[in-house]
Amino acid sequence: MAIVSSHTLNGMNGTHASGIRVRLMNITQNLEVFISHIDPSGRLEKNVDLSLAQKEDRFELIFETGEYWNSLGLSSSDNQIISEVVLRFSMPNKNARYHMPVILSPNSYSTWASQPE
């Protein structure tokens, strides 16, 4: 089993960005792999069964950030226009950990990916 994980931080105040809905899609096969939420410590960790996936398959990890910013009193009328952060990647090793942390602000984000373990 692969593991998909993330740590989300609010770049405006340095706190954990919790409660964000996250989806993993296999876009090659047009399949939803999971829907989850970032936990109170700003973390996500999900086991992913890749037994039916091909090495070449592409995935999207979608962070639905619009509702998060709305819950903090920011909305599109406040010039917050990014409602989703989408990371597109592959998972060639079916037993690796794929960790993708994200630092969020209403109109930007920063991300990086660790090497598969």
PDB file of N, CA and C in Angstrom:
ATOM      1  N   MET A   1       0.824  -1.185   0.000  1.00  0.00           N
ATOM      2  CA  MET A   1       0.000   0.000   0.000  1.00  0.00           C
ATOM      3  C   MET A   1       0.867   1.246   0.000  1.00  0.00           C
ATOM      4  N   ALA A   2       0.477   2.201  -0.787  1.00  0.00           N
ATOM      5  CA  ALA A   2       1.126   3.510  -0.763  1.00  0.00           C
ATOM      6  C   ALA A   2       0.484   4.346   0.336  1.00  0.00           C
ATOM      7  N   ILE A   3       1.180   5.387   0.746  1.00  0.00           N
ATOM      8  CA  ILE A   3       0.632   6.347   1.701  1.00  0.00           C
ATOM      9  C   ILE A   3       0.713   7.717   1.064  1.00  0.00           C
ATOM     10  N   VAL A   4      -0.404   8.433   1.065  1.00  0.00           N
ATOM     11  CA  VAL A   4      -0.444   9.824   0.630  1.00  0.00           C
ATOM     12  C   VAL A   4      -0.630  10.658   1.885  1.00  0.00           C
ATOM     13  N   SER A   5       0.282  11.617   2.087  1.00  0.00           N
ATOM     14  CA  SER A   5       0.196  12.444   3.290  1.00  0.00           C
ATOM     15  C   SER A   5       0.469  13.904   2.955  1.00  0.00           C
ATOM     16  N   SER A   6       0.014  14.763   3.860  1.00  0.00           N
ATOM     17  CA  SER A   6       0.243  16.194   3.706  1.00  0.00           C
ATOM     18  C   SER A   6       0.223  16.846   5.073  1.00  0.00           C
ATOM     19  N   HIS A   7       0.776  18.026   5.137  1.00  0.00           N
ATOM     20  CA  HIS A   7       0.684  18.898   6.304  1.00  0.00           C
ATOM     21  C   HIS A   7       0.350  20.268   5.747  1.00  0.00           C
ATOM     22  N   THR A   8      -0.772  20.826   6.171  1.00  0.00           N
ATOM     23  CA  THR A   8      -1.202  22.123   5.646  1.00  0.00           C
ATOM     24  C   THR A   8      -1.049  23.183   6.726  1.00  0.00           C
ATOM     25  N   LEU A   9      -0.468  24.304   6.333  1.00  0.00           N
ATOM     26  CA  LEU A   9      -0.266  25.422   7.246  1.00  0.00           C
ATOM     27  C   LEU A   9      -0.890  26.681   6.668  1.00  0.00           C
ATOM     28  N   ASN A  10      -1.472  27.491   7.556  1.00  0.00           N
ATOM     29  CA  ASN A  10      -2.023  28.784   7.189  1.00  0.00           C
ATOM     30  C   ASN A  10      -0.857  29.766   7.153  1.00  0.00           C
ATOM     31  N   GLY A  11      -0.510  30.239   5.965  1.00  0.00           N
ATOM     32  CA  GLY A  11       0.616  31.142   5.796  1.00  0.00           C
ATOM     33  C   GLY A  11       0.354  32.546   6.291  1.00  0.00           C
ATOM     34  N   MET A  12      -0.897  32.871   6.601  1.00  0.00           N
ATOM     35  CA  MET A  12      -1.213  34.200   7.121  1.00  0.00           C
ATOM     36  C   MET A  12      -0.854  34.335   8.594  1.00  0.00           C
ATOM     37  N   ASN A  13      -1.049  33.240   9.364  1.00  0.00           N
ATOM     38  CA  ASN A  13      -0.800  33.342  10.797  1.00  0.00           C
ATOM     39  C   ASN A  13       0.028  32.182  11.365  1.00  0.00           C
ATOM     40  N   GLY A  14       0.469  31.261  10.517  1.00  0.00           N
ATOM     41  CA  GLY A  14       1.342  30.182  10.955  1.00  0.00           C
ATOM     42  C   GLY A  14       0.661  29.027  11.671  1.00  0.00           C
ATOM     43  N   THR A  15      -0.665  28.994  11.675  1.00  0.00           N
ATOM     44  CA  THR A  15      -1.383  27.916  12.346  1.00  0.00           C
ATOM     45  C   THR A  15      -1.604  26.741  11.399  1.00  0.00           C
ATOM     46  N   HIS A  16      -2.031  25.632  11.983  1.00  0.00           N
ATOM     47  CA  HIS A  16      -2.412  24.480  11.161  1.00  0.00           C
ATOM     48  C   HIS A  16      -3.697  24.811  10.421  1.00  0.00           C
ATOM     49  N   ALA A  17      -3.752  24.466   9.160  1.00  0.00           N
ATOM     50  CA  ALA A  17      -4.961  24.674   8.357  1.00  0.00           C
ATOM     51  C   ALA A  17      -5.756  23.378   8.410  1.00  0.00           C
ATOM     52  N   SER A  18      -6.718  23.307   9.303  1.00  0.00           N
ATOM     53  CA  SER A  18      -7.465  22.068   9.518  1.00  0.00           C
ATOM     54  C   SER A  18      -8.854  22.138   8.892  1.00  0.00           C
ATOM     55  N   GLY A  19      -9.466  20.967   8.745  1.00  0.00           N
ATOM     56  CA  GLY A  19     -10.833  20.869   8.252  1.00  0.00           C
ATOM     57  C   GLY A  19     -10.986  20.968   6.743  1.00  0.00           C
ATOM     58  N   ILE A  20      -9.921  21.134   6.018  1.00  0.00           N
ATOM     59  CA  ILE A  20      -9.990  21.269   4.559  1.00  0.00           C
ATOM     60  C   ILE A  20     -10.354  19.923   3.942  1.00  0.00           C
ATOM     61  N   ARG A  21     -11.343  19.938   3.076  1.00  0.00           N
ATOM     62  CA  ARG A  21     -11.718  18.718   2.350  1.00  0.00           C
ATOM     63  C   ARG A  21     -10.658  18.446   1.295  1.00  0.00           C
ATOM     64  N   VAL A  22     -10.242  17.181   1.211  1.00  0.00           N
ATOM     65  CA  VAL A  22      -9.197  16.769   0.272  1.00  0.00           C
ATOM     66  C   VAL A  22      -9.695  15.552  -0.505  1.00  0.00           C
ATOM     67  N   ARG A  23      -9.471  15.574  -1.815  1.00  0.00           N
ATOM     68  CA  ARG A  23      -9.819  14.439  -2.672  1.00  0.00           C
ATOM     69  C   ARG A  23      -8.578  13.985  -3.418  1.00  0.00           C
ATOM     70  N   LEU A  24      -8.466  12.676  -3.593  1.00  0.00           N
ATOM     71  CA  LEU A  24      -7.428  12.122  -4.460  1.00  0.00           C
ATOM     72  C   LEU A  24      -8.125  11.475  -5.636  1.00  0.00           C
ATOM     73  N   MET A  25      -7.739  11.901  -6.837  1.00  0.00           N
ATOM     74  CA  MET A  25      -8.300  11.362  -8.072  1.00  0.00           C
ATOM     75  C   MET A  25      -7.202  10.692  -8.881  1.00  0.00           C
ATOM     76  N   ASN A  26      -7.519   9.536  -9.451  1.00  0.00           N
ATOM     77  CA  ASN A  26      -6.667   8.942 -10.480  1.00  0.00           C
ATOM     78  C   ASN A  26      -7.215   9.505 -11.783  1.00  0.00           C
ATOM     79  N   ILE A  27      -6.542  10.502 -12.332  1.00  0.00           N
ATOM     80  CA  ILE A  27      -7.081  11.174 -13.512  1.00  0.00           C
ATOM     81  C   ILE A  27      -6.872  10.363 -14.784  1.00  0.00           C
ATOM     82  N   THR A  28      -5.938   9.447 -14.787  1.00  0.00           N
ATOM     83  CA  THR A  28      -5.747   8.574 -15.943  1.00  0.00           C
ATOM     84  C   THR A  28      -6.939   7.637 -16.100  1.00  0.00           C
ATOM     85  N   GLN A  29      -7.409   7.089 -14.991  1.00  0.00           N
ATOM     86  CA  GLN A  29      -8.527   6.146 -15.020  1.00  0.00           C
ATOM     87  C   GLN A  29      -9.865   6.807 -14.673  1.00  0.00           C
ATOM     88  N   ASN A  30      -9.852   8.116 -14.419  1.00  0.00           N
ATOM     89  CA  ASN A  30     -11.047   8.867 -14.048  1.00  0.00           C
ATOM     90  C   ASN A  30     -11.761   8.227 -12.852  1.00  0.00           C
ATOM     91  N   LEU A  31     -10.974   7.975 -11.782  1.00  0.00           N
ATOM     92  CA  LEU A  31     -11.497   7.346 -10.576  1.00  0.00           C
ATOM     93  C   LEU A  31     -11.216   8.206  -9.354  1.00  0.00           C
ATOM     94  N   GLU A  32     -12.209   8.310  -8.493  1.00  0.00           N
ATOM     95  CA  GLU A  32     -11.989   8.949  -7.202  1.00  0.00           C
ATOM     96  C   GLU A  32     -11.390   7.912  -6.265  1.00  0.00           C
ATOM     97  N   VAL A  33     -10.228   8.200  -5.714  1.00  0.00           N
ATOM     98  CA  VAL A  33      -9.528   7.252  -4.850  1.00  0.00           C
ATOM     99  C   VAL A  33      -9.974   7.430  -3.401  1.00  0.00           C
ATOM    100  N   PHE A  34     -10.055   8.676  -2.930  1.00  0.00           N
ATOM    101  CA  PHE A  34     -10.591   8.932  -1.591  1.00  0.00           C
ATOM    102  C   PHE A  34     -11.045  10.379  -1.460  1.00  0.00           C
ATOM    103  N   ILE A  35     -11.900  10.588  -0.460  1.00  0.00           N
ATOM    104  CA  ILE A  35     -12.276  11.910   0.026  1.00  0.00           C
ATOM    105  C   ILE A  35     -11.996  11.893   1.520  1.00  0.00           C
ATOM    106  N   SER A  36     -11.346  12.936   2.007  1.00  0.00           N
ATOM    107  CA  SER A  36     -11.021  13.005   3.424  1.00  0.00           C
ATOM    108  C   SER A  36     -10.980  14.469   3.839  1.00  0.00           C
ATOM    109  N   HIS A  37     -10.554  14.712   5.066  1.00  0.00           N
ATOM    110  CA  HIS A  37     -10.390  16.068   5.586  1.00  0.00           C
ATOM    111  C   HIS A  37      -9.063  16.162   6.331  1.00  0.00           C
ATOM    112  N   ILE A  38      -8.475  17.340   6.290  1.00  0.00           N
ATOM    113  CA  ILE A  38      -7.270  17.600   7.066  1.00  0.00           C
ATOM    114  C   ILE A  38      -7.665  17.579   8.545  1.00  0.00           C
ATOM    115  N   ASP A  39      -6.893  16.880   9.366  1.00  0.00           N
ATOM    116  CA  ASP A  39      -7.245  16.745  10.787  1.00  0.00           C
ATOM    117  C   ASP A  39      -6.901  18.031  11.562  1.00  0.00           C
ATOM    118  N   PRO A  40      -7.271  18.108  12.844  1.00  0.00           N
ATOM    119  CA  PRO A  40      -7.028  19.333  13.626  1.00  0.00           C
ATOM    120  C   PRO A  40      -5.562  19.745  13.732  1.00  0.00           C
ATOM    121  N   SER A  41      -4.645  18.815  13.539  1.00  0.00           N
ATOM    122  CA  SER A  41      -3.230  19.175  13.570  1.00  0.00           C
ATOM    123  C   SER A  41      -2.699  19.529  12.181  1.00  0.00           C
ATOM    124  N   GLY A  42      -3.612  19.728  11.213  1.00  0.00           N
ATOM    125  CA  GLY A  42      -3.216  20.129   9.871  1.00  0.00           C
ATOM    126  C   GLY A  42      -2.643  19.008   9.028  1.00  0.00           C
ATOM    127  N   ARG A  43      -2.968  17.779   9.390  1.00  0.00           N
ATOM    128  CA  ARG A  43      -2.344  16.641   8.704  1.00  0.00           C
ATOM    129  C   ARG A  43      -3.369  15.746   8.000  1.00  0.00           C
ATOM    130  N   LEU A  44      -2.858  15.093   6.990  1.00  0.00           N
ATOM    131  CA  LEU A  44      -3.608  14.083   6.241  1.00  0.00           C
ATOM    132  C   LEU A  44      -2.676  12.900   6.065  1.00  0.00           C
ATOM    133  N   GLU A  45      -3.182  11.706   6.302  1.00  0.00           N
ATOM    134  CA  GLU A  45      -2.418  10.493   6.011  1.00  0.00           C
ATOM    135  C   GLU A  45      -3.413   9.408   5.645  1.00  0.00           C
ATOM    136  N   LYS A  46      -3.325   8.941   4.392  1.00  0.00           N
ATOM    137  CA  LYS A  46      -4.254   7.922   3.900  1.00  0.00           C
ATOM    138  C   LYS A  46      -3.473   6.802   3.217  1.00  0.00           C
ATOM    139  N   ASN A  47      -3.874   5.575   3.519  1.00  0.00           N
ATOM    140  CA  ASN A  47      -3.367   4.420   2.774  1.00  0.00           C
ATOM    141  C   ASN A  47      -4.095   4.359   1.445  1.00  0.00           C
ATOM    142  N   VAL A  48      -3.353   4.065   0.393  1.00  0.00           N
ATOM    143  CA  VAL A  48      -3.923   4.022  -0.949  1.00  0.00           C
ATOM    144  C   VAL A  48      -3.558   2.698  -1.598  1.00  0.00           C
ATOM    145  N   ASP A  49      -4.571   1.948  -1.969  1.00  0.00           N
ATOM    146  CA  ASP A  49      -4.369   0.678  -2.664  1.00  0.00           C
ATOM    147  C   ASP A  49      -4.138   0.967  -4.147  1.00  0.00           C
ATOM    148  N   LEU A  50      -2.940   0.732  -4.607  1.00  0.00           N
ATOM    149  CA  LEU A  50      -2.590   0.989  -6.010  1.00  0.00           C
ATOM    150  C   LEU A  50      -2.504  -0.305  -6.821  1.00  0.00           C
ATOM    151  N   SER A  51      -3.097  -1.373  -6.322  1.00  0.00           N
ATOM    152  CA  SER A  51      -2.979  -2.659  -7.014  1.00  0.00           C
ATOM    153  C   SER A  51      -3.582  -2.631  -8.418  1.00  0.00           C
ATOM    154  N   LEU A  52      -4.579  -1.787  -8.656  1.00  0.00           N
ATOM    155  CA  LEU A  52      -5.188  -1.697  -9.988  1.00  0.00           C
ATOM    156  C   LEU A  52      -4.631  -0.540 -10.810  1.00  0.00           C
ATOM    157  N   ALA A  53      -3.749   0.249 -10.220  1.00  0.00           N
ATOM    158  CA  ALA A  53      -3.164   1.386 -10.930  1.00  0.00           C
ATOM    159  C   ALA A  53      -1.963   0.935 -11.755  1.00  0.00           C
ATOM    160  N   GLN A  54      -1.724   1.658 -12.823  1.00  0.00           N
ATOM    161  CA  GLN A  54      -0.542   1.436 -13.654  1.00  0.00           C
ATOM    162  C   GLN A  54       0.545   2.416 -13.231  1.00  0.00           C
ATOM    163  N   LYS A  55       1.777   2.065 -13.481  1.00  0.00           N
ATOM    164  CA  LYS A  55       2.910   2.912 -13.118  1.00  0.00           C
ATOM    165  C   LYS A  55       2.816   4.306 -13.748  1.00  0.00           C
ATOM    166  N   GLU A  56       2.217   4.389 -14.925  1.00  0.00           N
ATOM    167  CA  GLU A  56       2.116   5.652 -15.664  1.00  0.00           C
ATOM    168  C   GLU A  56       0.925   6.502 -15.240  1.00  0.00           C
ATOM    169  N   ASP A  57       0.047   6.000 -14.383  1.00  0.00           N
ATOM    170  CA  ASP A  57      -1.153   6.745 -13.996  1.00  0.00           C
ATOM    171  C   ASP A  57      -0.776   8.067 -13.335  1.00  0.00           C
ATOM    172  N   ARG A  58      -1.607   9.078 -13.588  1.00  0.00           N
ATOM    173  CA  ARG A  58      -1.429  10.411 -13.013  1.00  0.00           C
ATOM    174  C   ARG A  58      -2.536  10.638 -11.985  1.00  0.00           C
ATOM    175  N   PHE A  59      -2.177  11.336 -10.919  1.00  0.00           N
ATOM    176  CA  PHE A  59      -3.097  11.584  -9.817  1.00  0.00           C
ATOM    177  C   PHE A  59      -3.197  13.072  -9.541  1.00  0.00           C
ATOM    178  N   GLU A  60      -4.327  13.472  -8.967  1.00  0.00           N
ATOM    179  CA  GLU A  60      -4.519  14.833  -8.490  1.00  0.00           C
ATOM    180  C   GLU A  60      -4.933  14.779  -7.030  1.00  0.00           C
ATOM    181  N   LEU A  61      -4.230  15.528  -6.205  1.00  0.00           N
ATOM    182  CA  LEU A  61      -4.611  15.733  -4.816  1.00  0.00           C
ATOM    183  C   LEU A  61      -5.213  17.129  -4.767  1.00  0.00           C
ATOM    184  N   ILE A  62      -6.497  17.209  -4.452  1.00  0.00           N
ATOM    185  CA  ILE A  62      -7.249  18.459  -4.545  1.00  0.00           C
ATOM    186  C   ILE A  62      -7.615  18.936  -3.145  1.00  0.00           C
ATOM    187  N   PHE A  63      -7.106  20.094  -2.768  1.00  0.00           N
ATOM    188  CA  PHE A  63      -7.414  20.724  -1.488  1.00  0.00           C
ATOM    189  C   PHE A  63      -8.493  21.776  -1.750  1.00  0.00           C
ATOM    190  N   GLU A  64      -9.668  21.608  -1.180  1.00  0.00           N
ATOM    191  CA  GLU A  64     -10.769  22.543  -1.387  1.00  0.00           C
ATOM    192  C   GLU A  64     -10.647  23.671  -0.361  1.00  0.00           C
ATOM    193  N   THR A  65      -9.836  24.658  -0.692  1.00  0.00           N
ATOM    194  CA  THR A  65      -9.455  25.698   0.260  1.00  0.00           C
ATOM    195  C   THR A  65     -10.468  26.832   0.395  1.00  0.00           C
ATOM    196  N   GLY A  66     -11.359  26.974  -0.550  1.00  0.00           N
ATOM    197  CA  GLY A  66     -12.327  28.078  -0.505  1.00  0.00           C
ATOM    198  C   GLY A  66     -13.156  28.085   0.767  1.00  0.00           C
ATOM    199  N   GLU A  67     -13.691  26.934   1.135  1.00  0.00           N
ATOM    200  CA  GLU A  67     -14.495  26.851   2.356  1.00  0.00           C
ATOM    201  C   GLU A  67     -13.679  27.135   3.599  1.00  0.00           C
ATOM    202  N   TYR A  68     -12.416  26.724   3.591  1.00  0.00           N
ATOM    203  CA  TYR A  68     -11.538  27.010   4.724  1.00  0.00           C
ATOM    204  C   TYR A  68     -11.417  28.517   4.932  1.00  0.00           C
ATOM    205  N   TRP A  69     -11.121  29.253   3.849  1.00  0.00           N
ATOM    206  CA  TRP A  69     -10.978  30.708   3.970  1.00  0.00           C
ATOM    207  C   TRP A  69     -12.308  31.357   4.324  1.00  0.00           C
ATOM    208  N   ASN A  70     -13.394  30.842   3.768  1.00  0.00           N
ATOM    209  CA  ASN A  70     -14.711  31.371   4.134  1.00  0.00           C
ATOM    210  C   ASN A  70     -14.972  31.209   5.624  1.00  0.00           C
ATOM    211  N   SER A  71     -14.565  30.073   6.197  1.00  0.00           N
ATOM    212  CA  SER A  71     -14.784  29.826   7.631  1.00  0.00           C
ATOM    213  C   SER A  71     -13.978  30.786   8.501  1.00  0.00           C
ATOM    214  N   LEU A  72     -12.938  31.386   7.932  1.00  0.00           N
ATOM    215  CA  LEU A  72     -12.134  32.358   8.661  1.00  0.00           C
ATOM    216  C   LEU A  72     -12.565  33.791   8.369  1.00  0.00           C
ATOM    217  N   GLY A  73     -13.687  33.926   7.662  1.00  0.00           N
ATOM    218  CA  GLY A  73     -14.224  35.253   7.384  1.00  0.00           C
ATOM    219  C   GLY A  73     -13.740  35.884   6.102  1.00  0.00           C
ATOM    220  N   LEU A  74     -13.038  35.126   5.260  1.00  0.00           N
ATOM    221  CA  LEU A  74     -12.605  35.637   3.952  1.00  0.00           C
ATOM    222  C   LEU A  74     -13.486  35.010   2.887  1.00  0.00           C
ATOM    223  N   SER A  75     -13.800  35.765   1.873  1.00  0.00           N
ATOM    224  CA  SER A  75     -14.617  35.223   0.789  1.00  0.00           C
ATOM    225  C   SER A  75     -14.137  35.795  -0.527  1.00  0.00           C
ATOM    226  N   SER A  76     -14.761  35.345  -1.614  1.00  0.00           N
ATOM    227  CA  SER A  76     -14.355  35.845  -2.934  1.00  0.00           C
ATOM    228  C   SER A  76     -14.579  37.348  -3.038  1.00  0.00           C
ATOM    229  N   SER A  77     -15.525  37.894  -2.268  1.00  0.00           N
ATOM    230  CA  SER A  77     -15.728  39.341  -2.294  1.00  0.00           C
ATOM    231  C   SER A  77     -14.574  40.075  -1.618  1.00  0.00           C
ATOM    232  N   ASP A  78     -13.754  39.348  -0.857  1.00  0.00           N
ATOM    233  CA  ASP A  78     -12.562  39.926  -0.227  1.00  0.00           C
ATOM    234  C   ASP A  78     -11.323  39.682  -1.095  1.00  0.00           C
ATOM    235  N   ASN A  79     -11.526  39.403  -2.362  1.00  0.00           N
ATOM    236  CA  ASN A  79     -10.459  39.137  -3.325  1.00  0.00           C
ATOM    237  C   ASN A  79      -9.774  37.793  -3.124  1.00  0.00           C
ATOM    238  N   GLN A  80     -10.408  36.894  -2.417  1.00  0.00           N
ATOM    239  CA  GLN A  80      -9.892  35.534  -2.288  1.00  0.00           C
ATOM    240  C   GLN A  80     -10.449  34.760  -3.472  1.00  0.00           C
ATOM    241  N   ILE A  81      -9.592  34.446  -4.439  1.00  0.00           N
ATOM    242  CA  ILE A  81     -10.089  33.842  -5.671  1.00  0.00           C
ATOM    243  C   ILE A  81      -9.657  32.398  -5.876  1.00  0.00           C
ATOM    244  N   ILE A  82      -8.690  31.909  -5.095  1.00  0.00           N
ATOM    245  CA  ILE A  82      -8.251  30.521  -5.244  1.00  0.00           C
ATOM    246  C   ILE A  82      -9.124  29.653  -4.348  1.00  0.00           C
ATOM    247  N   SER A  83      -9.964  28.828  -4.959  1.00  0.00           N
ATOM    248  CA  SER A  83     -10.874  27.981  -4.174  1.00  0.00           C
ATOM    249  C   SER A  83     -10.389  26.541  -4.081  1.00  0.00           C
ATOM    250  N   GLU A  84      -9.402  26.184  -4.891  1.00  0.00           N
ATOM    251  CA  GLU A  84      -8.824  24.839  -4.841  1.00  0.00           C
ATOM    252  C   GLU A  84      -7.326  24.925  -5.116  1.00  0.00           C
ATOM    253  N   VAL A  85      -6.597  24.046  -4.457  1.00  0.00           N
ATOM    254  CA  VAL A  85      -5.186  23.848  -4.772  1.00  0.00           C
ATOM    255  C   VAL A  85      -5.083  22.418  -5.285  1.00  0.00           C
ATOM    256  N   VAL A  86      -4.538  22.265  -6.487  1.00  0.00           N
ATOM    257  CA  VAL A  86      -4.471  20.959  -7.133  1.00  0.00           C
ATOM    258  C   VAL A  86      -3.011  20.596  -7.370  1.00  0.00           C
ATOM    259  N   LEU A  87      -2.626  19.447  -6.826  1.00  0.00           N
ATOM    260  CA  LEU A  87      -1.276  18.931  -7.051  1.00  0.00           C
ATOM    261  C   LEU A  87      -1.394  17.711  -7.947  1.00  0.00           C
ATOM    262  N   ARG A  88      -0.697  17.734  -9.060  1.00  0.00           N
ATOM    263  CA  ARG A  88      -0.737  16.620 -10.019  1.00  0.00           C
ATOM    264  C   ARG A  88       0.589  15.888  -9.960  1.00  0.00           C
ATOM    265  N   PHE A  89       0.531  14.554  -9.835  1.00  0.00           N
ATOM    266  CA  PHE A  89       1.750  13.775  -9.623  1.00  0.00           C
ATOM    267  C   PHE A  89       1.529  12.324 -10.031  1.00  0.00           C
ATOM    268  N   SER A  90       2.593  11.545  -9.998  1.00  0.00           N
ATOM    269  CA  SER A  90       2.508  10.112 -10.260  1.00  0.00           C
ATOM    270  C   SER A  90       2.932   9.364  -8.999  1.00  0.00           C
ATOM    271  N   MET A  91       2.567   8.099  -8.919  1.00  0.00           N
ATOM    272  CA  MET A  91       2.971   7.239  -7.802  1.00  0.00           C
ATOM    273  C   MET A  91       3.509   5.934  -8.370  1.00  0.00           C
ATOM    274  N   PRO A  92       4.723   5.956  -8.922  1.00  0.00           N
ATOM    275  CA  PRO A  92       5.259   4.770  -9.587  1.00  0.00           C
ATOM    276  C   PRO A  92       5.582   3.620  -8.636  1.00  0.00           C
ATOM    277  N   ASN A  93       5.906   3.929  -7.379  1.00  0.00           N
ATOM    278  CA  ASN A  93       6.202   2.889  -6.399  1.00  0.00           C
ATOM    279  C   ASN A  93       4.939   2.636  -5.584  1.00  0.00           C
ATOM    280  N   LYS A  94       4.344   1.487  -5.749  1.00  0.00           N
ATOM    281  CA  LYS A  94       3.050   1.183  -5.124  1.00  0.00           C
ATOM    282  C   LYS A  94       3.123   0.995  -3.618  1.00  0.00           C
ATOM    283  N   ASN A  95       4.329   1.046  -3.043  1.00  0.00           N
ATOM    284  CA  ASN A  95       4.486   0.874  -1.595  1.00  0.00           C
ATOM    285  C   ASN A  95       5.213   2.050  -0.946  1.00  0.00           C
ATOM    286  N   ALA A  96       5.266   3.185  -1.608  1.00  0.00           N
ATOM    287  CA  ALA A  96       6.000   4.340  -1.090  1.00  0.00           C
ATOM    288  C   ALA A  96       5.076   5.303  -0.349  1.00  0.00           C
ATOM    289  N   ARG A  97       5.708   6.229   0.368  1.00  0.00           N
ATOM    290  CA  ARG A  97       4.987   7.346   0.991  1.00  0.00           C
ATOM    291  C   ARG A  97       5.187   8.557   0.087  1.00  0.00           C
ATOM    292  N   TYR A  98       4.090   9.230  -0.235  1.00  0.00           N
ATOM    293  CA  TYR A  98       4.118  10.435  -1.043  1.00  0.00           C
ATOM    294  C   TYR A  98       3.612  11.570  -0.156  1.00  0.00           C
ATOM    295  N   HIS A  99       4.549  12.406   0.310  1.00  0.00           N
ATOM    296  CA  HIS A  99       4.222  13.477   1.245  1.00  0.00           C
ATOM    297  C   HIS A  99       4.312  14.815   0.544  1.00  0.00           C
ATOM    298  N   MET A 100       3.211  15.572   0.580  1.00  0.00           N
ATOM    299  CA  MET A 100       3.137  16.851  -0.108  1.00  0.00           C
ATOM    300  C   MET A 100       2.588  17.929   0.819  1.00  0.00           C
ATOM    301  N   PRO A 101       3.463  18.607   1.569  1.00  0.00           N
ATOM    302  CA  PRO A 101       3.016  19.691   2.438  1.00  0.00           C
ATOM    303  C   PRO A 101       2.626  20.921   1.626  1.00  0.00           C
ATOM    304  N   VAL A 102       1.735  21.737   2.206  1.00  0.00           N
ATOM    305  CA  VAL A 102       1.269  22.941   1.525  1.00  0.00           C
ATOM    306  C   VAL A 102       1.178  24.075   2.543  1.00  0.00           C
ATOM    307  N   ILE A 103       1.732  25.232   2.188  1.00  0.00           N
ATOM    308  CA  ILE A 103       1.534  26.457   2.954  1.00  0.00           C
ATOM    309  C   ILE A 103       0.551  27.298   2.160  1.00  0.00           C
ATOM    310  N   LEU A 104      -0.561  27.657   2.805  1.00  0.00           N
ATOM    311  CA  LEU A 104      -1.664  28.323   2.124  1.00  0.00           C
ATOM    312  C   LEU A 104      -1.802  29.786   2.529  1.00  0.00           C
ATOM    313  N   SER A 105      -2.217  30.602   1.595  1.00  0.00           N
ATOM    314  CA  SER A 105      -2.734  31.934   1.881  1.00  0.00           C
ATOM    315  C   SER A 105      -3.906  32.131   0.925  1.00  0.00           C
ATOM    316  N   PRO A 106      -4.721  33.161   1.106  1.00  0.00           N
ATOM    317  CA  PRO A 106      -5.938  33.267   0.295  1.00  0.00           C
ATOM    318  C   PRO A 106      -5.714  33.289  -1.214  1.00  0.00           C
ATOM    319  N   ASN A 107      -4.589  33.811  -1.677  1.00  0.00           N
ATOM    320  CA  ASN A 107      -4.363  33.914  -3.117  1.00  0.00           C
ATOM    321  C   ASN A 107      -3.044  33.336  -3.579  1.00  0.00           C
ATOM    322  N   SER A 108      -2.463  32.470  -2.765  1.00  0.00           N
ATOM    323  CA  SER A 108      -1.230  31.807  -3.188  1.00  0.00           C
ATOM    324  C   SER A 108      -1.017  30.567  -2.335  1.00  0.00           C
ATOM    325  N   TYR A 109      -0.075  29.778  -2.749  1.00  0.00           N
ATOM    326  CA  TYR A 109       0.315  28.611  -1.963  1.00  0.00           C
ATOM    327  C   TYR A 109       1.735  28.213  -2.357  1.00  0.00           C
ATOM    328  N   SER A 110       2.355  27.473  -1.463  1.00  0.00           N
ATOM    329  CA  SER A 110       3.680  26.934  -1.713  1.00  0.00           C
ATOM    330  C   SER A 110       3.634  25.453  -1.354  1.00  0.00           C
ATOM    331  N   THR A 111       4.263  24.642  -2.167  1.00  0.00           N
ATOM    332  CA  THR A 111       4.255  23.209  -1.927  1.00  0.00           C
ATOM    333  C   THR A 111       5.574  22.598  -2.356  1.00  0.00           C
ATOM    334  N   TRP A 112       5.806  21.429  -1.914  1.00  0.00           N
ATOM    335  CA  TRP A 112       6.971  20.633  -2.306  1.00  0.00           C
ATOM    336  C   TRP A 112       6.614  19.188  -2.068  1.00  0.00           C
ATOM    337  N   ALA A 113       7.388  18.303  -2.572  1.00  0.00           N
ATOM    338  CA  ALA A 113       7.101  16.871  -2.393  1.00  0.00           C
ATOM    339  C   ALA A 113       8.366  16.188  -1.904  1.00  0.00           C
ATOM    340  N   SER A 114       8.179  15.275  -0.970  1.00  0.00           N
ATOM    341  CA  SER A 114       9.321  14.500  -0.495  1.00  0.00           C
ATOM    342  C   SER A 114       9.601  13.374  -1.479  1.00  0.00           C
ATOM    343  N   GLN A 115      10.779  12.850  -1.433  1.00  0.00           N
ATOM    344  CA  GLN A 115      11.109  11.691  -2.256  1.00  0.00           C
ATOM    345  C   GLN A 115      10.374  10.477  -1.718  1.00  0.00           C
ATOM    346  N   PRO A 116       9.850   9.641  -2.571  1.00  0.00           N
ATOM    347  CA  PRO A 116       9.184   8.428  -2.092  1.00  0.00           C
ATOM    348  C   PRO A 116      10.128   7.588  -1.239  1.00  0.00           C
ATOM    349  N   GLU A 117       9.617   7.112  -0.130  1.00  0.00           N
ATOM    350  CA  GLU A 117      10.415   6.272   0.777  1.00  0.00           C
ATOM    351  C   GLU A 117      10.279   4.829   0.402  1.00  0.00           C
TER     352      GLU A 117
END
